[in-house]
Amino acid sequence: MPAPGSSATTASRPTPSIPKIPRDLSLIVRYESLEADQKKESFYRGYHGNDSRWKPPNIRNAFIRHQTPPMIIRWEGGKATEPSKDDICRKTKMKLYDAATIFAQSETDDFWAVPFDAETQDVKEHYGGWKVLSFDHERQQGTNTNSTYSSISTAGDQSRLAACGSPEWMSQLLPRVYDYDSVRSDQEPATSAGLIGSLPLLFALPAFSAPPGHVAEVLTEHLRPNRWNPHNREHGRTPERGMVVTVYCDPRNQQGSNASRLHQLEEGVFGPFYQP
């Protein structure tokens, strides 16, 4: 029998399994294009702040919503499909889970965002203004390693990823400005466990990875369980492009689609949404 601590004992230890997105987990995502109303420029239009960067309007009635009807996808078991015209999600009032409004900021190739539909509340009054995307660094549970998730939000305490982003999605989903930078960071790089966090933001990233006319195609062909399959199109982070992304529980799947399970998905219980 091998002595405790020997190589044979170490080799026999089971490798921790990596959780995966369950096949019965589903949700509905609605995408609507949004832009600042040019006719209200004198008072409402986006402005250049003290840092000379364009920002979207702070007033709820300063936007134009274009996508009518909105683009809808069903995400099920990690894959996206477009529901048929007769699907129940197009005919019933769905249970809202969460929403976000996000705008591309081309001058520094990053994003402005708020965690709600900006046409329903005044951004300045309700949220203190637009926020750049940020992250919380969260140690992956159940491992004895330095494996750390980067959890995306509008209220994270870190401006960059916990570790270098995956070559599969870095720069295509997230601009390089958000990547880990050893020169700028005061923390040692962790071992990346991947990207988790706000579902509306996680679903917004692939929509901005391609021009507006290719969003449905990109989502259905390149969004895969726990990962992103990169494409060869030009990115869609054009100046001042905006959208509202709303996530609903799937009315076709009441057991597998509820607030508790979607929150677990955001927390990384089912592994990374985009793996390292």
C-alpha atoms as a PDB file:
ATOM      1  CA  MET A   1       0.000   0.000   0.000  1.00  0.00           C
ATOM      2  CA  PRO A   2       1.548   3.375  -0.946  1.00  0.00           C
ATOM      3  CA  ALA A   3       2.724   5.563   1.904  1.00  0.00           C
ATOM      4  CA  PRO A   4       0.658   8.666   2.616  1.00  0.00           C
ATOM      5  CA  GLY A   5       1.857  11.575   0.510  1.00  0.00           C
ATOM      6  CA  SER A   6       3.479   9.352  -2.112  1.00  0.00           C
ATOM      7  CA  SER A   7       3.039  10.001  -5.832  1.00  0.00           C
ATOM      8  CA  ALA A   8       0.764   6.985  -6.152  1.00  0.00           C
ATOM      9  CA  THR A   9      -1.609   8.381  -3.541  1.00  0.00           C
ATOM     10  CA  THR A  10      -1.584  11.802  -5.156  1.00  0.00           C
ATOM     11  CA  ALA A  11      -2.244  10.400  -8.606  1.00  0.00           C
ATOM     12  CA  SER A  12      -5.253   8.438  -7.359  1.00  0.00           C
ATOM     13  CA  ARG A  13      -7.080  11.520  -6.105  1.00  0.00           C
ATOM     14  CA  PRO A  14     -10.138  12.301  -8.245  1.00  0.00           C
ATOM     15  CA  THR A  15     -10.007  15.434 -10.356  1.00  0.00           C
ATOM     16  CA  PRO A  16     -12.796  17.869  -9.370  1.00  0.00           C
ATOM     17  CA  SER A  17     -15.515  17.800 -12.015  1.00  0.00           C
ATOM     18  CA  ILE A  18     -16.297  21.047 -13.805  1.00  0.00           C
ATOM     19  CA  PRO A  19     -20.010  21.883 -13.588  1.00  0.00           C
ATOM     20  CA  LYS A  20     -21.915  22.273 -16.838  1.00  0.00           C
ATOM     21  CA  ILE A  21     -25.081  24.051 -17.890  1.00  0.00           C
ATOM     22  CA  PRO A  22     -28.021  21.631 -17.499  1.00  0.00           C
ATOM     23  CA  ARG A  23     -29.949  20.706 -20.622  1.00  0.00           C
ATOM     24  CA  ASP A  24     -33.261  21.559 -18.962  1.00  0.00           C
ATOM     25  CA  LEU A  25     -32.236  25.131 -18.075  1.00  0.00           C
ATOM     26  CA  SER A  26     -33.766  27.744 -20.374  1.00  0.00           C
ATOM     27  CA  LEU A  27     -34.693  31.409 -20.645  1.00  0.00           C
ATOM     28  CA  ILE A  28     -35.951  33.972 -23.143  1.00  0.00           C
ATOM     29  CA  VAL A  29     -33.947  37.015 -24.250  1.00  0.00           C
ATOM     30  CA  ARG A  30     -35.407  40.074 -25.981  1.00  0.00           C
ATOM     31  CA  TYR A  31     -33.190  42.530 -27.880  1.00  0.00           C
ATOM     32  CA  GLU A  32     -34.312  46.050 -28.813  1.00  0.00           C
ATOM     33  CA  SER A  33     -32.170  48.634 -30.563  1.00  0.00           C
ATOM     34  CA  LEU A  34     -31.893  52.005 -28.813  1.00  0.00           C
ATOM     35  CA  GLU A  35     -30.345  55.321 -29.773  1.00  0.00           C
ATOM     36  CA  ALA A  36     -30.217  58.864 -28.430  1.00  0.00           C
ATOM     37  CA  ASP A  37     -32.893  61.146 -29.898  1.00  0.00           C
ATOM     38  CA  GLN A  38     -31.046  63.673 -32.059  1.00  0.00           C
ATOM     39  CA  LYS A  39     -34.062  66.017 -32.070  1.00  0.00           C
ATOM     40  CA  LYS A  40     -33.661  66.566 -28.343  1.00  0.00           C
ATOM     41  CA  GLU A  41     -29.976  67.396 -28.555  1.00  0.00           C
ATOM     42  CA  SER A  42     -30.210  70.778 -26.798  1.00  0.00           C
ATOM     43  CA  PHE A  43     -31.298  69.232 -23.512  1.00  0.00           C
ATOM     44  CA  TYR A  44     -31.404  65.470 -23.574  1.00  0.00           C
ATOM     45  CA  ARG A  45     -28.724  64.247 -25.929  1.00  0.00           C
ATOM     46  CA  GLY A  46     -25.675  62.324 -24.839  1.00  0.00           C
ATOM     47  CA  TYR A  47     -22.800  64.536 -23.848  1.00  0.00           C
ATOM     48  CA  HIS A  48     -19.077  64.612 -23.392  1.00  0.00           C
ATOM     49  CA  GLY A  49     -18.285  64.579 -19.691  1.00  0.00           C
ATOM     50  CA  ASN A  50     -15.193  65.787 -17.869  1.00  0.00           C
ATOM     51  CA  ASP A  51     -13.170  62.965 -19.433  1.00  0.00           C
ATOM     52  CA  SER A  52     -14.344  63.939 -22.957  1.00  0.00           C
ATOM     53  CA  ARG A  53     -16.110  60.623 -23.483  1.00  0.00           C
ATOM     54  CA  TRP A  54     -19.574  60.482 -25.013  1.00  0.00           C
ATOM     55  CA  LYS A  55     -22.288  59.287 -22.668  1.00  0.00           C
ATOM     56  CA  PRO A  56     -25.908  58.366 -23.406  1.00  0.00           C
ATOM     57  CA  PRO A  57     -28.742  60.602 -22.176  1.00  0.00           C
ATOM     58  CA  ASN A  58     -29.765  60.573 -18.525  1.00  0.00           C
ATOM     59  CA  ILE A  59     -33.463  61.229 -19.227  1.00  0.00           C
ATOM     60  CA  ARG A  60     -35.867  58.376 -19.984  1.00  0.00           C
ATOM     61  CA  ASN A  61     -37.674  60.082 -22.880  1.00  0.00           C
ATOM     62  CA  ALA A  62     -34.488  60.927 -24.771  1.00  0.00           C
ATOM     63  CA  PHE A  63     -34.275  57.665 -26.716  1.00  0.00           C
ATOM     64  CA  ILE A  64     -35.645  56.133 -29.903  1.00  0.00           C
ATOM     65  CA  ARG A  65     -36.405  52.404 -29.842  1.00  0.00           C
ATOM     66  CA  HIS A  66     -36.144  50.797 -33.286  1.00  0.00           C
ATOM     67  CA  GLN A  67     -36.611  47.059 -33.105  1.00  0.00           C
ATOM     68  CA  THR A  68     -40.338  46.469 -33.717  1.00  0.00           C
ATOM     69  CA  PRO A  69     -41.099  43.686 -33.241  1.00  0.00           C
ATOM     70  CA  PRO A  70     -38.129  42.987 -30.942  1.00  0.00           C
ATOM     71  CA  MET A  71     -35.726  40.163 -31.695  1.00  0.00           C
ATOM     72  CA  ILE A  72     -36.352  37.207 -29.398  1.00  0.00           C
ATOM     73  CA  ILE A  73     -34.248  34.108 -28.776  1.00  0.00           C
ATOM     74  CA  ARG A  74     -34.740  31.071 -26.575  1.00  0.00           C
ATOM     75  CA  TRP A  75     -31.577  29.947 -24.798  1.00  0.00           C
ATOM     76  CA  GLU A  76     -31.889  26.318 -23.739  1.00  0.00           C
ATOM     77  CA  GLY A  77     -29.138  24.122 -22.355  1.00  0.00           C
ATOM     78  CA  GLY A  78     -26.564  26.643 -23.552  1.00  0.00           C
ATOM     79  CA  LYS A  79     -27.759  26.951 -27.164  1.00  0.00           C
ATOM     80  CA  ALA A  80     -29.788  29.767 -28.745  1.00  0.00           C
ATOM     81  CA  THR A  81     -32.644  29.358 -31.217  1.00  0.00           C
ATOM     82  CA  GLU A  82     -35.254  31.695 -32.669  1.00  0.00           C
ATOM     83  CA  PRO A  83     -38.760  30.756 -31.470  1.00  0.00           C
ATOM     84  CA  SER A  84     -41.412  30.194 -34.112  1.00  0.00           C
ATOM     85  CA  LYS A  85     -44.154  32.751 -34.714  1.00  0.00           C
ATOM     86  CA  ASP A  86     -46.586  30.515 -32.829  1.00  0.00           C
ATOM     87  CA  ASP A  87     -44.323  29.969 -29.825  1.00  0.00           C
ATOM     88  CA  ILE A  88     -45.906  30.645 -26.440  1.00  0.00           C
ATOM     89  CA  CYS A  89     -43.195  33.204 -25.618  1.00  0.00           C
ATOM     90  CA  ARG A  90     -44.589  35.459 -28.354  1.00  0.00           C
ATOM     91  CA  LYS A  91     -48.185  35.143 -27.171  1.00  0.00           C
ATOM     92  CA  THR A  92     -48.090  35.451 -23.407  1.00  0.00           C
ATOM     93  CA  LYS A  93     -46.848  37.919 -20.811  1.00  0.00           C
ATOM     94  CA  MET A  94     -43.576  36.492 -19.561  1.00  0.00           C
ATOM     95  CA  LYS A  95     -42.093  36.703 -16.083  1.00  0.00           C
ATOM     96  CA  LEU A  96     -39.334  39.308 -16.052  1.00  0.00           C
ATOM     97  CA  TYR A  97     -35.997  38.235 -14.592  1.00  0.00           C
ATOM     98  CA  ASP A  98     -33.677  41.173 -15.335  1.00  0.00           C
ATOM     99  CA  ALA A  99     -32.798  43.828 -17.908  1.00  0.00           C
ATOM    100  CA  ALA A 100     -29.933  46.116 -18.879  1.00  0.00           C
ATOM    101  CA  THR A 101     -29.301  48.965 -21.296  1.00  0.00           C
ATOM    102  CA  ILE A 102     -25.875  49.061 -22.890  1.00  0.00           C
ATOM    103  CA  PHE A 103     -24.181  51.453 -25.315  1.00  0.00           C
ATOM    104  CA  ALA A 104     -20.929  51.119 -27.221  1.00  0.00           C
ATOM    105  CA  GLN A 105     -18.424  53.869 -26.503  1.00  0.00           C
ATOM    106  CA  SER A 106     -16.160  53.916 -29.553  1.00  0.00           C
ATOM    107  CA  GLU A 107     -13.666  56.551 -28.418  1.00  0.00           C
ATOM    108  CA  THR A 108     -12.086  54.144 -25.924  1.00  0.00           C
ATOM    109  CA  ASP A 109     -13.746  50.926 -27.190  1.00  0.00           C
ATOM    110  CA  ASP A 110     -15.701  50.100 -24.061  1.00  0.00           C
ATOM    111  CA  PHE A 111     -19.323  50.141 -22.868  1.00  0.00           C
ATOM    112  CA  TRP A 112     -21.695  52.312 -20.852  1.00  0.00           C
ATOM    113  CA  ALA A 113     -24.498  50.427 -19.108  1.00  0.00           C
ATOM    114  CA  VAL A 114     -27.220  50.499 -16.456  1.00  0.00           C
ATOM    115  CA  PRO A 115     -29.024  47.462 -14.950  1.00  0.00           C
ATOM    116  CA  PHE A 116     -32.510  48.364 -16.221  1.00  0.00           C
ATOM    117  CA  ASP A 117     -34.374  49.603 -19.273  1.00  0.00           C
ATOM    118  CA  ALA A 118     -33.257  53.239 -19.611  1.00  0.00           C
ATOM    119  CA  GLU A 119     -36.646  54.192 -21.073  1.00  0.00           C
ATOM    120  CA  THR A 120     -38.405  53.263 -17.831  1.00  0.00           C
ATOM    121  CA  GLN A 121     -36.384  55.362 -15.366  1.00  0.00           C
ATOM    122  CA  ASP A 122     -34.173  58.447 -15.444  1.00  0.00           C
ATOM    123  CA  VAL A 123     -30.593  57.164 -15.289  1.00  0.00           C
ATOM    124  CA  LYS A 124     -29.130  60.053 -13.316  1.00  0.00           C
ATOM    125  CA  GLU A 125     -31.882  60.166 -10.723  1.00  0.00           C
ATOM    126  CA  HIS A 126     -32.275  56.413 -10.282  1.00  0.00           C
ATOM    127  CA  TYR A 127     -28.700  55.163 -10.675  1.00  0.00           C
ATOM    128  CA  GLY A 128     -26.402  58.172 -10.410  1.00  0.00           C
ATOM    129  CA  GLY A 129     -25.490  58.097 -14.094  1.00  0.00           C
ATOM    130  CA  TRP A 130     -24.115  55.640 -16.632  1.00  0.00           C
ATOM    131  CA  LYS A 131     -21.459  53.148 -15.508  1.00  0.00           C
ATOM    132  CA  VAL A 132     -18.688  51.419 -17.412  1.00  0.00           C
ATOM    133  CA  LEU A 133     -18.724  47.639 -17.283  1.00  0.00           C
ATOM    134  CA  SER A 134     -16.891  46.270 -14.272  1.00  0.00           C
ATOM    135  CA  PHE A 135     -16.195  42.970 -12.538  1.00  0.00           C
ATOM    136  CA  ASP A 136     -16.110  41.201  -9.207  1.00  0.00           C
ATOM    137  CA  HIS A 137     -13.408  38.583  -8.832  1.00  0.00           C
ATOM    138  CA  GLU A 138     -14.934  35.492  -7.216  1.00  0.00           C
ATOM    139  CA  ARG A 139     -13.022  32.350  -6.265  1.00  0.00           C
ATOM    140  CA  GLN A 140     -14.489  29.260  -7.876  1.00  0.00           C
ATOM    141  CA  GLN A 141     -16.151  27.122  -5.219  1.00  0.00           C
ATOM    142  CA  GLY A 142     -15.197  23.504  -4.679  1.00  0.00           C
ATOM    143  CA  THR A 143     -11.587  23.814  -5.839  1.00  0.00           C
ATOM    144  CA  ASN A 144      -8.286  24.102  -4.011  1.00  0.00           C
ATOM    145  CA  THR A 145      -6.761  26.261  -6.717  1.00  0.00           C
ATOM    146  CA  ASN A 146      -6.520  29.968  -7.477  1.00  0.00           C
ATOM    147  CA  SER A 147      -9.239  29.537 -10.103  1.00  0.00           C
ATOM    148  CA  THR A 148     -11.299  32.753 -10.147  1.00  0.00           C
ATOM    149  CA  TYR A 149     -14.406  33.884 -11.992  1.00  0.00           C
ATOM    150  CA  SER A 150     -14.747  37.372 -13.431  1.00  0.00           C
ATOM    151  CA  SER A 151     -18.350  38.343 -12.707  1.00  0.00           C
ATOM    152  CA  ILE A 152     -19.549  41.098 -15.050  1.00  0.00           C
ATOM    153  CA  SER A 153     -21.822  43.892 -13.789  1.00  0.00           C
ATOM    154  CA  THR A 154     -22.253  47.664 -13.641  1.00  0.00           C
ATOM    155  CA  ALA A 155     -21.241  47.835  -9.970  1.00  0.00           C
ATOM    156  CA  GLY A 156     -18.154  45.621  -9.678  1.00  0.00           C
ATOM    157  CA  ASP A 157     -15.122  46.684  -7.649  1.00  0.00           C
ATOM    158  CA  GLN A 158     -12.632  45.863 -10.434  1.00  0.00           C
ATOM    159  CA  SER A 159     -12.255  47.503 -13.849  1.00  0.00           C
ATOM    160  CA  ARG A 160     -10.521  44.495 -15.433  1.00  0.00           C
ATOM    161  CA  LEU A 161     -10.723  40.707 -15.571  1.00  0.00           C
ATOM    162  CA  ALA A 162      -9.175  38.607 -12.805  1.00  0.00           C
ATOM    163  CA  ALA A 163      -6.913  36.910 -15.363  1.00  0.00           C
ATOM    164  CA  CYS A 164      -6.150  37.173 -19.050  1.00  0.00           C
ATOM    165  CA  GLY A 165      -9.275  36.650 -21.137  1.00  0.00           C
ATOM    166  CA  SER A 166      -9.751  33.626 -23.329  1.00  0.00           C
ATOM    167  CA  PRO A 167      -8.486  33.934 -26.923  1.00  0.00           C
ATOM    168  CA  GLU A 168     -11.879  32.515 -27.941  1.00  0.00           C
ATOM    169  CA  TRP A 169     -13.795  35.569 -26.718  1.00  0.00           C
ATOM    170  CA  MET A 170     -11.382  38.298 -25.686  1.00  0.00           C
ATOM    171  CA  SER A 171     -11.684  41.276 -28.062  1.00  0.00           C
ATOM    172  CA  GLN A 172     -14.669  39.707 -29.863  1.00  0.00           C
ATOM    173  CA  LEU A 173     -17.038  39.801 -26.893  1.00  0.00           C
ATOM    174  CA  LEU A 174     -15.078  42.065 -24.565  1.00  0.00           C
ATOM    175  CA  PRO A 175     -12.821  44.872 -25.828  1.00  0.00           C
ATOM    176  CA  ARG A 176      -9.152  44.651 -24.837  1.00  0.00           C
ATOM    177  CA  VAL A 177      -9.567  47.554 -22.429  1.00  0.00           C
ATOM    178  CA  TYR A 178     -11.151  45.091 -19.976  1.00  0.00           C
ATOM    179  CA  ASP A 179      -8.425  42.438 -20.159  1.00  0.00           C
ATOM    180  CA  TYR A 180      -6.116  41.730 -17.228  1.00  0.00           C
ATOM    181  CA  ASP A 181      -3.055  43.982 -17.343  1.00  0.00           C
ATOM    182  CA  SER A 182      -0.122  43.135 -15.065  1.00  0.00           C
ATOM    183  CA  VAL A 183       1.257  46.675 -15.393  1.00  0.00           C
ATOM    184  CA  ARG A 184      -1.956  48.357 -14.251  1.00  0.00           C
ATOM    185  CA  SER A 185      -3.151  45.753 -11.753  1.00  0.00           C
ATOM    186  CA  ASP A 186      -2.142  45.714  -8.111  1.00  0.00           C
ATOM    187  CA  GLN A 187      -3.086  42.027  -7.891  1.00  0.00           C
ATOM    188  CA  GLU A 188      -1.318  38.911  -9.074  1.00  0.00           C
ATOM    189  CA  PRO A 189      -3.195  37.210 -11.929  1.00  0.00           C
ATOM    190  CA  ALA A 190      -5.495  34.400 -10.888  1.00  0.00           C
ATOM    191  CA  THR A 191      -6.160  31.248 -12.863  1.00  0.00           C
ATOM    192  CA  SER A 192      -9.180  32.155 -14.961  1.00  0.00           C
ATOM    193  CA  ALA A 193     -12.355  30.199 -14.284  1.00  0.00           C
ATOM    194  CA  GLY A 194     -14.161  32.138 -17.016  1.00  0.00           C
ATOM    195  CA  LEU A 195     -16.850  34.805 -17.244  1.00  0.00           C
ATOM    196  CA  ILE A 196     -20.105  34.840 -15.249  1.00  0.00           C
ATOM    197  CA  GLY A 197     -22.420  37.561 -13.900  1.00  0.00           C
ATOM    198  CA  SER A 198     -25.377  39.620 -15.095  1.00  0.00           C
ATOM    199  CA  LEU A 199     -27.334  37.640 -17.682  1.00  0.00           C
ATOM    200  CA  PRO A 200     -28.498  40.692 -19.682  1.00  0.00           C
ATOM    201  CA  LEU A 201     -24.865  41.813 -19.997  1.00  0.00           C
ATOM    202  CA  LEU A 202     -23.590  38.328 -20.862  1.00  0.00           C
ATOM    203  CA  PHE A 203     -26.178  38.135 -23.647  1.00  0.00           C
ATOM    204  CA  ALA A 204     -25.454  41.699 -24.816  1.00  0.00           C
ATOM    205  CA  LEU A 205     -21.783  40.964 -25.510  1.00  0.00           C
ATOM    206  CA  PRO A 206     -22.361  38.598 -28.474  1.00  0.00           C
ATOM    207  CA  ALA A 207     -24.974  40.987 -29.896  1.00  0.00           C
ATOM    208  CA  PHE A 208     -22.286  43.678 -30.071  1.00  0.00           C
ATOM    209  CA  SER A 209     -19.787  41.254 -31.605  1.00  0.00           C
ATOM    210  CA  ALA A 210     -21.352  41.671 -35.073  1.00  0.00           C
ATOM    211  CA  PRO A 211     -23.245  44.313 -37.088  1.00  0.00           C
ATOM    212  CA  PRO A 212     -26.996  44.630 -36.328  1.00  0.00           C
ATOM    213  CA  GLY A 213     -28.125  42.592 -39.316  1.00  0.00           C
ATOM    214  CA  HIS A 214     -26.158  39.537 -38.167  1.00  0.00           C
ATOM    215  CA  VAL A 215     -27.089  39.380 -34.475  1.00  0.00           C
ATOM    216  CA  ALA A 216     -29.583  36.491 -34.692  1.00  0.00           C
ATOM    217  CA  GLU A 217     -27.208  34.497 -36.885  1.00  0.00           C
ATOM    218  CA  VAL A 218     -24.283  35.049 -34.534  1.00  0.00           C
ATOM    219  CA  LEU A 219     -26.273  34.072 -31.451  1.00  0.00           C
ATOM    220  CA  THR A 220     -27.697  30.865 -32.902  1.00  0.00           C
ATOM    221  CA  GLU A 221     -24.472  29.726 -34.562  1.00  0.00           C
ATOM    222  CA  HIS A 222     -21.795  30.745 -32.062  1.00  0.00           C
ATOM    223  CA  LEU A 223     -23.310  30.651 -28.568  1.00  0.00           C
ATOM    224  CA  ARG A 224     -22.606  27.203 -27.118  1.00  0.00           C
ATOM    225  CA  PRO A 225     -22.959  25.562 -23.673  1.00  0.00           C
ATOM    226  CA  ASN A 226     -20.431  27.227 -21.326  1.00  0.00           C
ATOM    227  CA  ARG A 227     -18.448  28.713 -24.198  1.00  0.00           C
ATOM    228  CA  TRP A 228     -18.230  31.020 -27.199  1.00  0.00           C
ATOM    229  CA  ASN A 229     -17.380  29.793 -30.673  1.00  0.00           C
ATOM    230  CA  PRO A 230     -15.635  32.760 -32.360  1.00  0.00           C
ATOM    231  CA  HIS A 231     -16.639  34.074 -35.792  1.00  0.00           C
ATOM    232  CA  ASN A 232     -14.849  36.082 -38.514  1.00  0.00           C
ATOM    233  CA  ARG A 233     -17.192  39.081 -38.834  1.00  0.00           C
ATOM    234  CA  GLU A 234     -16.354  42.668 -38.016  1.00  0.00           C
ATOM    235  CA  HIS A 235     -17.445  43.668 -34.536  1.00  0.00           C
ATOM    236  CA  GLY A 236     -20.597  45.734 -34.056  1.00  0.00           C
ATOM    237  CA  ARG A 237     -19.335  48.230 -31.482  1.00  0.00           C
ATOM    238  CA  THR A 238     -20.086  51.191 -33.732  1.00  0.00           C
ATOM    239  CA  PRO A 239     -20.296  54.736 -32.273  1.00  0.00           C
ATOM    240  CA  GLU A 240     -23.244  55.221 -29.924  1.00  0.00           C
ATOM    241  CA  ARG A 241     -24.929  51.923 -30.822  1.00  0.00           C
ATOM    242  CA  GLY A 242     -27.227  50.907 -27.991  1.00  0.00           C
ATOM    243  CA  MET A 243     -29.677  48.205 -27.023  1.00  0.00           C
ATOM    244  CA  VAL A 244     -31.972  47.061 -24.257  1.00  0.00           C
ATOM    245  CA  VAL A 245     -31.511  43.389 -23.364  1.00  0.00           C
ATOM    246  CA  THR A 246     -34.278  41.812 -21.284  1.00  0.00           C
ATOM    247  CA  VAL A 247     -34.186  38.306 -19.802  1.00  0.00           C
ATOM    248  CA  TYR A 248     -37.387  36.411 -18.962  1.00  0.00           C
ATOM    249  CA  CYS A 249     -38.208  33.044 -17.472  1.00  0.00           C
ATOM    250  CA  ASP A 250     -39.213  30.627 -20.230  1.00  0.00           C
ATOM    251  CA  PRO A 251     -43.026  30.121 -20.090  1.00  0.00           C
ATOM    252  CA  ARG A 252     -42.597  26.756 -21.834  1.00  0.00           C
ATOM    253  CA  ASN A 253     -40.342  25.458 -19.074  1.00  0.00           C
ATOM    254  CA  GLN A 254     -41.730  26.414 -15.684  1.00  0.00           C
ATOM    255  CA  GLN A 255     -39.701  23.833 -13.754  1.00  0.00           C
ATOM    256  CA  GLY A 256     -36.396  24.451 -15.488  1.00  0.00           C
ATOM    257  CA  SER A 257     -36.680  28.229 -15.823  1.00  0.00           C
ATOM    258  CA  ASN A 258     -37.236  30.238 -12.657  1.00  0.00           C
ATOM    259  CA  ALA A 259     -35.554  33.065 -10.780  1.00  0.00           C
ATOM    260  CA  SER A 260     -33.645  30.711  -8.483  1.00  0.00           C
ATOM    261  CA  ARG A 261     -32.056  28.725 -11.316  1.00  0.00           C
ATOM    262  CA  LEU A 262     -31.233  31.823 -13.379  1.00  0.00           C
ATOM    263  CA  HIS A 263     -29.541  33.334 -10.348  1.00  0.00           C
ATOM    264  CA  GLN A 264     -27.488  30.145  -9.980  1.00  0.00           C
ATOM    265  CA  LEU A 265     -26.469  30.509 -13.617  1.00  0.00           C
ATOM    266  CA  GLU A 266     -25.261  34.055 -12.919  1.00  0.00           C
ATOM    267  CA  GLU A 267     -23.334  32.867  -9.844  1.00  0.00           C
ATOM    268  CA  GLY A 268     -21.386  30.175 -11.708  1.00  0.00           C
ATOM    269  CA  VAL A 269     -23.111  27.210 -10.056  1.00  0.00           C
ATOM    270  CA  PHE A 270     -23.360  25.626 -13.518  1.00  0.00           C
ATOM    271  CA  GLY A 271     -19.834  26.581 -14.501  1.00  0.00           C
ATOM    272  CA  PRO A 272     -18.711  29.600 -16.519  1.00  0.00           C
ATOM    273  CA  PHE A 273     -21.046  31.170 -19.041  1.00  0.00           C
ATOM    274  CA  TYR A 274     -17.967  31.739 -21.211  1.00  0.00           C
ATOM    275  CA  GLN A 275     -15.165  29.357 -20.301  1.00  0.00           C
ATOM    276  CA  PRO A 276     -11.508  30.429 -20.127  1.00  0.00           C
END
